[in-house]
Amino acid sequence: MERKIYTPWAFSENEREKGLINREIYIELMGKHSIFRHDRKTNLTDGVDCSFEDFDVVIGRKPGYHHALYRIYKNAPELTMDELALICDGGNLCFGYMMDAGHIRVSED
């Protein structure tokens, strides 16, 4: 199978392999970049929630019903939307994501 980020992959052919590939890419991204993700707050303040300069990627999160909204504050390595969404969802993306008013909306179960 091609080594790329699969979104969505649940209930598709080769779903197990797609999930494993996503997880491998996620582990690689986490090893390369310093990432801050606040799990319960989308409106982050530099110097209060964290020092933005200390991280390559800064993400805020607002949980919702069967989804979560993520706001990207900093993306110094210029990761793709697929890479950012994969980081937001902890290496999963089985139900996919979409852009929603400047936020990444990740579908969750």
PDB file of N, CA and C in Angstrom:
ATOM      1  N   MET A   1       0.834  -1.196   0.000  1.00  0.00           N
ATOM      2  CA  MET A   1       0.000   0.000   0.000  1.00  0.00           C
ATOM      3  C   MET A   1       0.872   1.250   0.000  1.00  0.00           C
ATOM      4  N   GLU A   2       0.335   2.289  -0.587  1.00  0.00           N
ATOM      5  CA  GLU A   2       1.030   3.568  -0.642  1.00  0.00           C
ATOM      6  C   GLU A   2       1.154   4.168   0.756  1.00  0.00           C
ATOM      7  N   ARG A   3       2.323   4.739   1.044  1.00  0.00           N
ATOM      8  CA  ARG A   3       2.545   5.383   2.339  1.00  0.00           C
ATOM      9  C   ARG A   3       2.085   6.833   2.233  1.00  0.00           C
ATOM     10  N   LYS A   4       0.863   7.068   2.702  1.00  0.00           N
ATOM     11  CA  LYS A   4       0.267   8.394   2.701  1.00  0.00           C
ATOM     12  C   LYS A   4      -0.752   8.442   3.832  1.00  0.00           C
ATOM     13  N   ILE A   5      -1.278   9.617   4.117  1.00  0.00           N
ATOM     14  CA  ILE A   5      -2.294   9.749   5.144  1.00  0.00           C
ATOM     15  C   ILE A   5      -3.643   9.387   4.547  1.00  0.00           C
ATOM     16  N   TYR A   6      -4.332   8.456   5.177  1.00  0.00           N
ATOM     17  CA  TYR A   6      -5.643   8.008   4.723  1.00  0.00           C
ATOM     18  C   TYR A   6      -6.730   8.654   5.573  1.00  0.00           C
ATOM     19  N   THR A   7      -7.686   9.300   4.918  1.00  0.00           N
ATOM     20  CA  THR A   7      -8.780   9.959   5.605  1.00  0.00           C
ATOM     21  C   THR A   7     -10.009  10.012   4.715  1.00  0.00           C
ATOM     22  N   PRO A   8     -11.126   9.540   5.097  1.00  0.00           N
ATOM     23  CA  PRO A   8     -11.364   8.581   6.170  1.00  0.00           C
ATOM     24  C   PRO A   8     -11.002   7.179   5.692  1.00  0.00           C
ATOM     25  N   TRP A   9     -10.775   6.281   6.622  1.00  0.00           N
ATOM     26  CA  TRP A   9     -10.430   4.924   6.231  1.00  0.00           C
ATOM     27  C   TRP A   9     -11.318   3.856   6.870  1.00  0.00           C
ATOM     28  N   ALA A  10     -12.109   4.190   7.845  1.00  0.00           N
ATOM     29  CA  ALA A  10     -12.967   3.198   8.508  1.00  0.00           C
ATOM     30  C   ALA A  10     -13.945   2.578   7.510  1.00  0.00           C
ATOM     31  N   PHE A  11     -14.151   1.295   7.634  1.00  0.00           N
ATOM     32  CA  PHE A  11     -15.089   0.540   6.804  1.00  0.00           C
ATOM     33  C   PHE A  11     -14.708   0.554   5.318  1.00  0.00           C
ATOM     34  N   SER A  12     -13.412   0.658   5.038  1.00  0.00           N
ATOM     35  CA  SER A  12     -12.946   0.624   3.653  1.00  0.00           C
ATOM     36  C   SER A  12     -12.030  -0.580   3.462  1.00  0.00           C
ATOM     37  N   GLU A  13     -11.709  -0.850   2.215  1.00  0.00           N
ATOM     38  CA  GLU A  13     -10.787  -1.940   1.908  1.00  0.00           C
ATOM     39  C   GLU A  13      -9.430  -1.641   2.550  1.00  0.00           C
ATOM     40  N   ASN A  14      -8.808  -2.651   3.117  1.00  0.00           N
ATOM     41  CA  ASN A  14      -7.496  -2.524   3.764  1.00  0.00           C
ATOM     42  C   ASN A  14      -7.506  -1.525   4.917  1.00  0.00           C
ATOM     43  N   GLU A  15      -8.613  -1.431   5.632  1.00  0.00           N
ATOM     44  CA  GLU A  15      -8.718  -0.430   6.700  1.00  0.00           C
ATOM     45  C   GLU A  15      -7.655  -0.621   7.768  1.00  0.00           C
ATOM     46  N   ARG A  16      -7.333  -1.831   8.118  1.00  0.00           N
ATOM     47  CA  ARG A  16      -6.320  -2.062   9.150  1.00  0.00           C
ATOM     48  C   ARG A  16      -4.965  -1.496   8.724  1.00  0.00           C
ATOM     49  N   GLU A  17      -4.570  -1.785   7.491  1.00  0.00           N
ATOM     50  CA  GLU A  17      -3.284  -1.290   6.985  1.00  0.00           C
ATOM     51  C   GLU A  17      -3.272   0.240   6.915  1.00  0.00           C
ATOM     52  N   LYS A  18      -4.377   0.821   6.487  1.00  0.00           N
ATOM     53  CA  LYS A  18      -4.472   2.285   6.412  1.00  0.00           C
ATOM     54  C   LYS A  18      -4.318   2.903   7.797  1.00  0.00           C
ATOM     55  N   GLY A  19      -4.960   2.307   8.774  1.00  0.00           N
ATOM     56  CA  GLY A  19      -4.838   2.795  10.146  1.00  0.00           C
ATOM     57  C   GLY A  19      -3.411   2.691  10.659  1.00  0.00           C
ATOM     58  N   LEU A  20      -2.732   1.596  10.344  1.00  0.00           N
ATOM     59  CA  LEU A  20      -1.343   1.415  10.779  1.00  0.00           C
ATOM     60  C   LEU A  20      -0.414   2.418  10.098  1.00  0.00           C
ATOM     61  N   ILE A  21      -0.636   2.672   8.822  1.00  0.00           N
ATOM     62  CA  ILE A  21       0.180   3.659   8.106  1.00  0.00           C
ATOM     63  C   ILE A  21      -0.020   5.041   8.718  1.00  0.00           C
ATOM     64  N   ASN A  22      -1.268   5.420   8.983  1.00  0.00           N
ATOM     65  CA  ASN A  22      -1.530   6.713   9.629  1.00  0.00           C
ATOM     66  C   ASN A  22      -0.784   6.809  10.955  1.00  0.00           C
ATOM     67  N   ARG A  23      -0.838   5.753  11.745  1.00  0.00           N
ATOM     68  CA  ARG A  23      -0.179   5.750  13.050  1.00  0.00           C
ATOM     69  C   ARG A  23       1.338   5.915  12.898  1.00  0.00           C
ATOM     70  N   GLU A  24       1.935   5.238  11.922  1.00  0.00           N
ATOM     71  CA  GLU A  24       3.375   5.369  11.672  1.00  0.00           C
ATOM     72  C   GLU A  24       3.745   6.796  11.301  1.00  0.00           C
ATOM     73  N   ILE A  25       2.962   7.408  10.428  1.00  0.00           N
ATOM     74  CA  ILE A  25       3.229   8.788  10.012  1.00  0.00           C
ATOM     75  C   ILE A  25       3.082   9.725  11.200  1.00  0.00           C
ATOM     76  N   TYR A  26       2.069   9.503  12.017  1.00  0.00           N
ATOM     77  CA  TYR A  26       1.856  10.314  13.226  1.00  0.00           C
ATOM     78  C   TYR A  26       3.060  10.227  14.167  1.00  0.00           C
ATOM     79  N   ILE A  27       3.543   9.032  14.420  1.00  0.00           N
ATOM     80  CA  ILE A  27       4.699   8.859  15.304  1.00  0.00           C
ATOM     81  C   ILE A  27       5.917   9.579  14.739  1.00  0.00           C
ATOM     82  N   GLU A  28       6.087   9.510  13.432  1.00  0.00           N
ATOM     83  CA  GLU A  28       7.194  10.205  12.765  1.00  0.00           C
ATOM     84  C   GLU A  28       7.067  11.731  12.946  1.00  0.00           C
ATOM     85  N   LEU A  29       5.864  12.267  12.732  1.00  0.00           N
ATOM     86  CA  LEU A  29       5.641  13.716  12.889  1.00  0.00           C
ATOM     87  C   LEU A  29       5.883  14.161  14.330  1.00  0.00           C
ATOM     88  N   MET A  30       5.411  13.371  15.282  1.00  0.00           N
ATOM     89  CA  MET A  30       5.592  13.712  16.694  1.00  0.00           C
ATOM     90  C   MET A  30       7.064  13.679  17.082  1.00  0.00           C
ATOM     91  N   GLY A  31       7.840  12.808  16.455  1.00  0.00           N
ATOM     92  CA  GLY A  31       9.270  12.726  16.734  1.00  0.00           C
ATOM     93  C   GLY A  31      10.064  13.863  16.121  1.00  0.00           C
ATOM     94  N   LYS A  32       9.578  14.423  15.030  1.00  0.00           N
ATOM     95  CA  LYS A  32      10.284  15.493  14.317  1.00  0.00           C
ATOM     96  C   LYS A  32       9.987  16.882  14.858  1.00  0.00           C
ATOM     97  N   HIS A  33       8.794  17.084  15.398  1.00  0.00           N
ATOM     98  CA  HIS A  33       8.331  18.427  15.732  1.00  0.00           C
ATOM     99  C   HIS A  33       7.889  18.527  17.184  1.00  0.00           C
ATOM    100  N   SER A  34       8.124  19.693  17.772  1.00  0.00           N
ATOM    101  CA  SER A  34       7.604  19.947  19.120  1.00  0.00           C
ATOM    102  C   SER A  34       6.195  20.514  18.962  1.00  0.00           C
ATOM    103  N   ILE A  35       5.245  19.840  19.595  1.00  0.00           N
ATOM    104  CA  ILE A  35       3.832  20.157  19.384  1.00  0.00           C
ATOM    105  C   ILE A  35       3.139  20.382  20.712  1.00  0.00           C
ATOM    106  N   PHE A  36       2.382  21.481  20.802  1.00  0.00           N
ATOM    107  CA  PHE A  36       1.533  21.766  21.960  1.00  0.00           C
ATOM    108  C   PHE A  36       0.092  21.691  21.503  1.00  0.00           C
ATOM    109  N   ARG A  37      -0.705  20.889  22.222  1.00  0.00           N
ATOM    110  CA  ARG A  37      -2.137  20.791  21.925  1.00  0.00           C
ATOM    111  C   ARG A  37      -2.904  20.905  23.233  1.00  0.00           C
ATOM    112  N   HIS A  38      -3.746  21.935  23.315  1.00  0.00           N
ATOM    113  CA  HIS A  38      -4.622  22.091  24.478  1.00  0.00           C
ATOM    114  C   HIS A  38      -5.911  21.356  24.157  1.00  0.00           C
ATOM    115  N   ASP A  39      -6.308  20.413  24.993  1.00  0.00           N
ATOM    116  CA  ASP A  39      -7.430  19.537  24.675  1.00  0.00           C
ATOM    117  C   ASP A  39      -8.811  20.100  24.994  1.00  0.00           C
ATOM    118  N   ARG A  40      -8.888  21.222  25.707  1.00  0.00           N
ATOM    119  CA  ARG A  40     -10.210  21.730  26.097  1.00  0.00           C
ATOM    120  C   ARG A  40     -10.387  23.226  25.828  1.00  0.00           C
ATOM    121  N   LYS A  41      -9.556  23.778  24.983  1.00  0.00           N
ATOM    122  CA  LYS A  41      -9.621  25.228  24.781  1.00  0.00           C
ATOM    123  C   LYS A  41      -9.133  25.573  23.377  1.00  0.00           C
ATOM    124  N   THR A  42      -9.959  26.312  22.617  1.00  0.00           N
ATOM    125  CA  THR A  42      -9.523  26.720  21.278  1.00  0.00           C
ATOM    126  C   THR A  42      -8.930  28.115  21.267  1.00  0.00           C
ATOM    127  N   ASN A  43      -9.298  28.956  22.203  1.00  0.00           N
ATOM    128  CA  ASN A  43      -8.769  30.321  22.242  1.00  0.00           C
ATOM    129  C   ASN A  43      -7.551  30.373  23.152  1.00  0.00           C
ATOM    130  N   LEU A  44      -6.387  30.139  22.553  1.00  0.00           N
ATOM    131  CA  LEU A  44      -5.144  30.115  23.313  1.00  0.00           C
ATOM    132  C   LEU A  44      -4.489  31.487  23.313  1.00  0.00           C
ATOM    133  N   THR A  45      -3.782  31.769  24.395  1.00  0.00           N
ATOM    134  CA  THR A  45      -3.057  33.020  24.525  1.00  0.00           C
ATOM    135  C   THR A  45      -1.572  32.719  24.693  1.00  0.00           C
ATOM    136  N   ASP A  46      -0.768  33.315  23.818  1.00  0.00           N
ATOM    137  CA  ASP A  46       0.677  33.150  23.887  1.00  0.00           C
ATOM    138  C   ASP A  46       1.177  33.677  25.226  1.00  0.00           C
ATOM    139  N   GLY A  47       1.989  32.879  25.908  1.00  0.00           N
ATOM    140  CA  GLY A  47       2.539  33.282  27.193  1.00  0.00           C
ATOM    141  C   GLY A  47       1.658  32.924  28.380  1.00  0.00           C
ATOM    142  N   VAL A  48       0.404  32.555  28.118  1.00  0.00           N
ATOM    143  CA  VAL A  48      -0.501  32.142  29.198  1.00  0.00           C
ATOM    144  C   VAL A  48      -0.713  30.631  29.134  1.00  0.00           C
ATOM    145  N   ASP A  49      -1.212  30.157  28.006  1.00  0.00           N
ATOM    146  CA  ASP A  49      -1.441  28.727  27.830  1.00  0.00           C
ATOM    147  C   ASP A  49      -0.142  27.980  27.546  1.00  0.00           C
ATOM    148  N   CYS A  50       0.734  28.609  26.824  1.00  0.00           N
ATOM    149  CA  CYS A  50       2.082  28.113  26.542  1.00  0.00           C
ATOM    150  C   CYS A  50       2.840  29.256  25.872  1.00  0.00           C
ATOM    151  N   SER A  51       4.122  29.096  25.753  1.00  0.00           N
ATOM    152  CA  SER A  51       4.925  30.059  25.006  1.00  0.00           C
ATOM    153  C   SER A  51       5.022  29.544  23.572  1.00  0.00           C
ATOM    154  N   PHE A  52       4.342  30.230  22.656  1.00  0.00           N
ATOM    155  CA  PHE A  52       4.288  29.766  21.276  1.00  0.00           C
ATOM    156  C   PHE A  52       5.676  29.557  20.678  1.00  0.00           C
ATOM    157  N   GLU A  53       6.633  30.381  21.079  1.00  0.00           N
ATOM    158  CA  GLU A  53       7.979  30.283  20.497  1.00  0.00           C
ATOM    159  C   GLU A  53       8.689  28.988  20.887  1.00  0.00           C
ATOM    160  N   ASP A  54       8.208  28.310  21.912  1.00  0.00           N
ATOM    161  CA  ASP A  54       8.827  27.058  22.363  1.00  0.00           C
ATOM    162  C   ASP A  54       8.400  25.847  21.538  1.00  0.00           C
ATOM    163  N   PHE A  55       7.437  26.019  20.633  1.00  0.00           N
ATOM    164  CA  PHE A  55       6.882  24.897  19.888  1.00  0.00           C
ATOM    165  C   PHE A  55       6.878  25.169  18.390  1.00  0.00           C
ATOM    166  N   ASP A  56       6.954  24.090  17.618  1.00  0.00           N
ATOM    167  CA  ASP A  56       6.846  24.187  16.161  1.00  0.00           C
ATOM    168  C   ASP A  56       5.388  24.320  15.733  1.00  0.00           C
ATOM    169  N   VAL A  57       4.519  23.627  16.458  1.00  0.00           N
ATOM    170  CA  VAL A  57       3.092  23.599  16.136  1.00  0.00           C
ATOM    171  C   VAL A  57       2.313  23.842  17.431  1.00  0.00           C
ATOM    172  N   VAL A  58       1.325  24.750  17.364  1.00  0.00           N
ATOM    173  CA  VAL A  58       0.469  25.052  18.519  1.00  0.00           C
ATOM    174  C   VAL A  58      -0.985  24.896  18.078  1.00  0.00           C
ATOM    175  N   ILE A  59      -1.743  24.085  18.844  1.00  0.00           N
ATOM    176  CA  ILE A  59      -3.111  23.726  18.470  1.00  0.00           C
ATOM    177  C   ILE A  59      -4.043  23.868  19.672  1.00  0.00           C
ATOM    178  N   GLY A  60      -5.195  24.479  19.434  1.00  0.00           N
ATOM    179  CA  GLY A  60      -6.265  24.519  20.432  1.00  0.00           C
ATOM    180  C   GLY A  60      -7.380  23.582  20.009  1.00  0.00           C
ATOM    181  N   ARG A  61      -8.137  23.053  20.975  1.00  0.00           N
ATOM    182  CA  ARG A  61      -9.190  22.064  20.674  1.00  0.00           C
ATOM    183  C   ARG A  61     -10.466  22.392  21.437  1.00  0.00           C
ATOM    184  N   LYS A  62     -11.592  22.258  20.752  1.00  0.00           N
ATOM    185  CA  LYS A  62     -12.901  22.387  21.380  1.00  0.00           C
ATOM    186  C   LYS A  62     -13.683  21.115  21.069  1.00  0.00           C
ATOM    187  N   PRO A  63     -13.981  20.297  22.087  1.00  0.00           N
ATOM    188  CA  PRO A  63     -14.744  19.080  21.837  1.00  0.00           C
ATOM    189  C   PRO A  63     -16.191  19.391  21.504  1.00  0.00           C
ATOM    190  N   GLY A  64     -16.786  18.561  20.679  1.00  0.00           N
ATOM    191  CA  GLY A  64     -18.190  18.688  20.306  1.00  0.00           C
ATOM    192  C   GLY A  64     -18.837  17.323  20.259  1.00  0.00           C
ATOM    193  N   TYR A  65     -20.056  17.254  19.777  1.00  0.00           N
ATOM    194  CA  TYR A  65     -20.785  16.001  19.660  1.00  0.00           C
ATOM    195  C   TYR A  65     -20.338  15.265  18.407  1.00  0.00           C
ATOM    196  N   HIS A  66     -19.663  14.140  18.561  1.00  0.00           N
ATOM    197  CA  HIS A  66     -19.123  13.320  17.477  1.00  0.00           C
ATOM    198  C   HIS A  66     -18.082  14.047  16.623  1.00  0.00           C
ATOM    199  N   HIS A  67     -17.489  15.096  17.166  1.00  0.00           N
ATOM    200  CA  HIS A  67     -16.431  15.803  16.449  1.00  0.00           C
ATOM    201  C   HIS A  67     -15.647  16.674  17.437  1.00  0.00           C
ATOM    202  N   ALA A  68     -14.566  17.222  16.966  1.00  0.00           N
ATOM    203  CA  ALA A  68     -13.827  18.233  17.707  1.00  0.00           C
ATOM    204  C   ALA A  68     -13.343  19.271  16.700  1.00  0.00           C
ATOM    205  N   LEU A  69     -13.308  20.525  17.141  1.00  0.00           N
ATOM    206  CA  LEU A  69     -12.786  21.611  16.309  1.00  0.00           C
ATOM    207  C   LEU A  69     -11.392  21.970  16.806  1.00  0.00           C
ATOM    208  N   TYR A  70     -10.474  22.122  15.868  1.00  0.00           N
ATOM    209  CA  TYR A  70      -9.097  22.452  16.193  1.00  0.00           C
ATOM    210  C   TYR A  70      -8.717  23.758  15.515  1.00  0.00           C
ATOM    211  N   ARG A  71      -8.035  24.598  16.251  1.00  0.00           N
ATOM    212  CA  ARG A  71      -7.534  25.854  15.696  1.00  0.00           C
ATOM    213  C   ARG A  71      -6.016  25.805  15.725  1.00  0.00           C
ATOM    214  N   ILE A  72      -5.406  26.051  14.585  1.00  0.00           N
ATOM    215  CA  ILE A  72      -3.956  26.025  14.462  1.00  0.00           C
ATOM    216  C   ILE A  72      -3.430  27.447  14.690  1.00  0.00           C
ATOM    217  N   TYR A  73      -2.622  27.607  15.714  1.00  0.00           N
ATOM    218  CA  TYR A  73      -2.041  28.910  16.035  1.00  0.00           C
ATOM    219  C   TYR A  73      -0.663  29.085  15.412  1.00  0.00           C
ATOM    220  N   LYS A  74       0.043  27.992  15.295  1.00  0.00           N
ATOM    221  CA  LYS A  74       1.389  28.069  14.738  1.00  0.00           C
ATOM    222  C   LYS A  74       1.661  26.786  13.965  1.00  0.00           C
ATOM    223  N   ASN A  75       2.247  26.947  12.779  1.00  0.00           N
ATOM    224  CA  ASN A  75       2.609  25.823  11.931  1.00  0.00           C
ATOM    225  C   ASN A  75       3.945  26.152  11.260  1.00  0.00           C
ATOM    226  N   ALA A  76       4.981  26.265  12.081  1.00  0.00           N
ATOM    227  CA  ALA A  76       6.299  26.666  11.586  1.00  0.00           C
ATOM    228  C   ALA A  76       6.862  25.726  10.519  1.00  0.00           C
ATOM    229  N   PRO A  77       6.681  24.404  10.633  1.00  0.00           N
ATOM    230  CA  PRO A  77       7.224  23.520   9.596  1.00  0.00           C
ATOM    231  C   PRO A  77       6.365  23.450   8.331  1.00  0.00           C
ATOM    232  N   GLU A  78       5.274  24.226   8.303  1.00  0.00           N
ATOM    233  CA  GLU A  78       4.365  24.263   7.159  1.00  0.00           C
ATOM    234  C   GLU A  78       3.842  22.869   6.795  1.00  0.00           C
ATOM    235  N   LEU A  79       3.324  22.186   7.799  1.00  0.00           N
ATOM    236  CA  LEU A  79       2.717  20.878   7.582  1.00  0.00           C
ATOM    237  C   LEU A  79       1.460  21.030   6.744  1.00  0.00           C
ATOM    238  N   THR A  80       1.109  19.986   6.018  1.00  0.00           N
ATOM    239  CA  THR A  80      -0.100  19.996   5.200  1.00  0.00           C
ATOM    240  C   THR A  80      -1.333  19.886   6.104  1.00  0.00           C
ATOM    241  N   MET A  81      -2.500  20.169   5.549  1.00  0.00           N
ATOM    242  CA  MET A  81      -3.742  20.011   6.319  1.00  0.00           C
ATOM    243  C   MET A  81      -3.925  18.559   6.750  1.00  0.00           C
ATOM    244  N   ASP A  82      -3.591  17.604   5.883  1.00  0.00           N
ATOM    245  CA  ASP A  82      -3.688  16.196   6.258  1.00  0.00           C
ATOM    246  C   ASP A  82      -2.778  15.886   7.451  1.00  0.00           C
ATOM    247  N   GLU A  83      -1.555  16.397   7.432  1.00  0.00           N
ATOM    248  CA  GLU A  83      -0.633  16.164   8.539  1.00  0.00           C
ATOM    249  C   GLU A  83      -1.137  16.807   9.827  1.00  0.00           C
ATOM    250  N   LEU A  84      -1.629  18.043   9.721  1.00  0.00           N
ATOM    251  CA  LEU A  84      -2.165  18.721  10.906  1.00  0.00           C
ATOM    252  C   LEU A  84      -3.382  17.978  11.461  1.00  0.00           C
ATOM    253  N   ALA A  85      -4.273  17.546  10.579  1.00  0.00           N
ATOM    254  CA  ALA A  85      -5.462  16.810  11.016  1.00  0.00           C
ATOM    255  C   ALA A  85      -5.063  15.497  11.682  1.00  0.00           C
ATOM    256  N   LEU A  86      -4.063  14.835  11.143  1.00  0.00           N
ATOM    257  CA  LEU A  86      -3.586  13.583  11.733  1.00  0.00           C
ATOM    258  C   LEU A  86      -3.045  13.831  13.140  1.00  0.00           C
ATOM    259  N   ILE A  87      -2.309  14.907  13.322  1.00  0.00           N
ATOM    260  CA  ILE A  87      -1.807  15.274  14.652  1.00  0.00           C
ATOM    261  C   ILE A  87      -2.981  15.585  15.576  1.00  0.00           C
ATOM    262  N   CYS A  88      -3.938  16.348  15.079  1.00  0.00           N
ATOM    263  CA  CYS A  88      -5.105  16.697  15.895  1.00  0.00           C
ATOM    264  C   CYS A  88      -5.829  15.454  16.394  1.00  0.00           C
ATOM    265  N   ASP A  89      -5.954  14.442  15.543  1.00  0.00           N
ATOM    266  CA  ASP A  89      -6.706  13.242  15.897  1.00  0.00           C
ATOM    267  C   ASP A  89      -5.824  12.147  16.496  1.00  0.00           C
ATOM    268  N   GLY A  90      -4.617  12.475  16.875  1.00  0.00           N
ATOM    269  CA  GLY A  90      -3.763  11.505  17.550  1.00  0.00           C
ATOM    270  C   GLY A  90      -3.359  10.316  16.703  1.00  0.00           C
ATOM    271  N   GLY A  91      -3.248  10.530  15.389  1.00  0.00           N
ATOM    272  CA  GLY A  91      -2.791   9.480  14.487  1.00  0.00           C
ATOM    273  C   GLY A  91      -3.878   8.607  13.902  1.00  0.00           C
ATOM    274  N   ASN A  92      -5.127   9.016  14.006  1.00  0.00           N
ATOM    275  CA  ASN A  92      -6.231   8.168  13.601  1.00  0.00           C
ATOM    276  C   ASN A  92      -6.848   8.593  12.260  1.00  0.00           C
ATOM    277  N   LEU A  93      -7.777   9.521  12.284  1.00  0.00           N
ATOM    278  CA  LEU A  93      -8.531  10.011  11.121  1.00  0.00           C
ATOM    279  C   LEU A  93      -9.412   8.951  10.470  1.00  0.00           C
ATOM    280  N   CYS A  94      -9.872   7.974  11.251  1.00  0.00           N
ATOM    281  CA  CYS A  94     -10.688   6.909  10.661  1.00  0.00           C
ATOM    282  C   CYS A  94     -12.008   7.425  10.093  1.00  0.00           C
ATOM    283  N   PHE A  95     -12.531   8.509  10.657  1.00  0.00           N
ATOM    284  CA  PHE A  95     -13.796   9.061  10.150  1.00  0.00           C
ATOM    285  C   PHE A  95     -13.594  10.366   9.377  1.00  0.00           C
ATOM    286  N   GLY A  96     -12.351  10.767   9.193  1.00  0.00           N
ATOM    287  CA  GLY A  96     -12.037  11.913   8.360  1.00  0.00           C
ATOM    288  C   GLY A  96     -12.089  13.261   9.056  1.00  0.00           C
ATOM    289  N   TYR A  97     -11.890  14.289   8.242  1.00  0.00           N
ATOM    290  CA  TYR A  97     -11.912  15.670   8.715  1.00  0.00           C
ATOM    291  C   TYR A  97     -12.345  16.570   7.579  1.00  0.00           C
ATOM    292  N   MET A  98     -12.660  17.805   7.935  1.00  0.00           N
ATOM    293  CA  MET A  98     -12.981  18.824   6.941  1.00  0.00           C
ATOM    294  C   MET A  98     -12.618  20.178   7.530  1.00  0.00           C
ATOM    295  N   MET A  99     -12.528  21.173   6.678  1.00  0.00           N
ATOM    296  CA  MET A  99     -12.288  22.536   7.147  1.00  0.00           C
ATOM    297  C   MET A  99     -13.641  23.166   7.451  1.00  0.00           C
ATOM    298  N   ASP A 100     -13.717  23.896   8.561  1.00  0.00           N
ATOM    299  CA  ASP A 100     -14.972  24.493   9.011  1.00  0.00           C
ATOM    300  C   ASP A 100     -14.665  25.878   9.580  1.00  0.00           C
ATOM    301  N   ALA A 101     -14.904  26.916   8.791  1.00  0.00           N
ATOM    302  CA  ALA A 101     -14.691  28.306   9.213  1.00  0.00           C
ATOM    303  C   ALA A 101     -13.289  28.526   9.783  1.00  0.00           C
ATOM    304  N   GLY A 102     -12.283  28.014   9.070  1.00  0.00           N
ATOM    305  CA  GLY A 102     -10.906  28.216   9.487  1.00  0.00           C
ATOM    306  C   GLY A 102     -10.404  27.229  10.529  1.00  0.00           C
ATOM    307  N   HIS A 103     -11.255  26.313  10.938  1.00  0.00           N
ATOM    308  CA  HIS A 103     -10.887  25.297  11.904  1.00  0.00           C
ATOM    309  C   HIS A 103     -10.817  23.935  11.198  1.00  0.00           C
ATOM    310  N   ILE A 104     -10.050  23.020  11.790  1.00  0.00           N
ATOM    311  CA  ILE A 104     -10.067  21.640  11.328  1.00  0.00           C
ATOM    312  C   ILE A 104     -11.124  20.923  12.165  1.00  0.00           C
ATOM    313  N   ARG A 105     -12.114  20.368  11.502  1.00  0.00           N
ATOM    314  CA  ARG A 105     -13.193  19.631  12.180  1.00  0.00           C
ATOM    315  C   ARG A 105     -12.957  18.143  11.964  1.00  0.00           C
ATOM    316  N   VAL A 106     -12.584  17.458  13.045  1.00  0.00           N
ATOM    317  CA  VAL A 106     -12.295  16.034  12.979  1.00  0.00           C
ATOM    318  C   VAL A 106     -13.506  15.263  13.465  1.00  0.00           C
ATOM    319  N   SER A 107     -13.982  14.335  12.653  1.00  0.00           N
ATOM    320  CA  SER A 107     -15.107  13.477  13.028  1.00  0.00           C
ATOM    321  C   SER A 107     -14.623  12.394  13.977  1.00  0.00           C
ATOM    322  N   GLU A 108     -15.365  12.213  15.059  1.00  0.00           N
ATOM    323  CA  GLU A 108     -15.008  11.235  16.092  1.00  0.00           C
ATOM    324  C   GLU A 108     -16.214  10.387  16.426  1.00  0.00           C
ATOM    325  N   ASP A 109     -15.977   9.217  17.012  1.00  0.00           N
ATOM    326  CA  ASP A 109     -17.110   8.390  17.446  1.00  0.00           C
ATOM    327  C   ASP A 109     -17.400   8.583  18.910  1.00  0.00           C
TER     328      ASP A 109
END
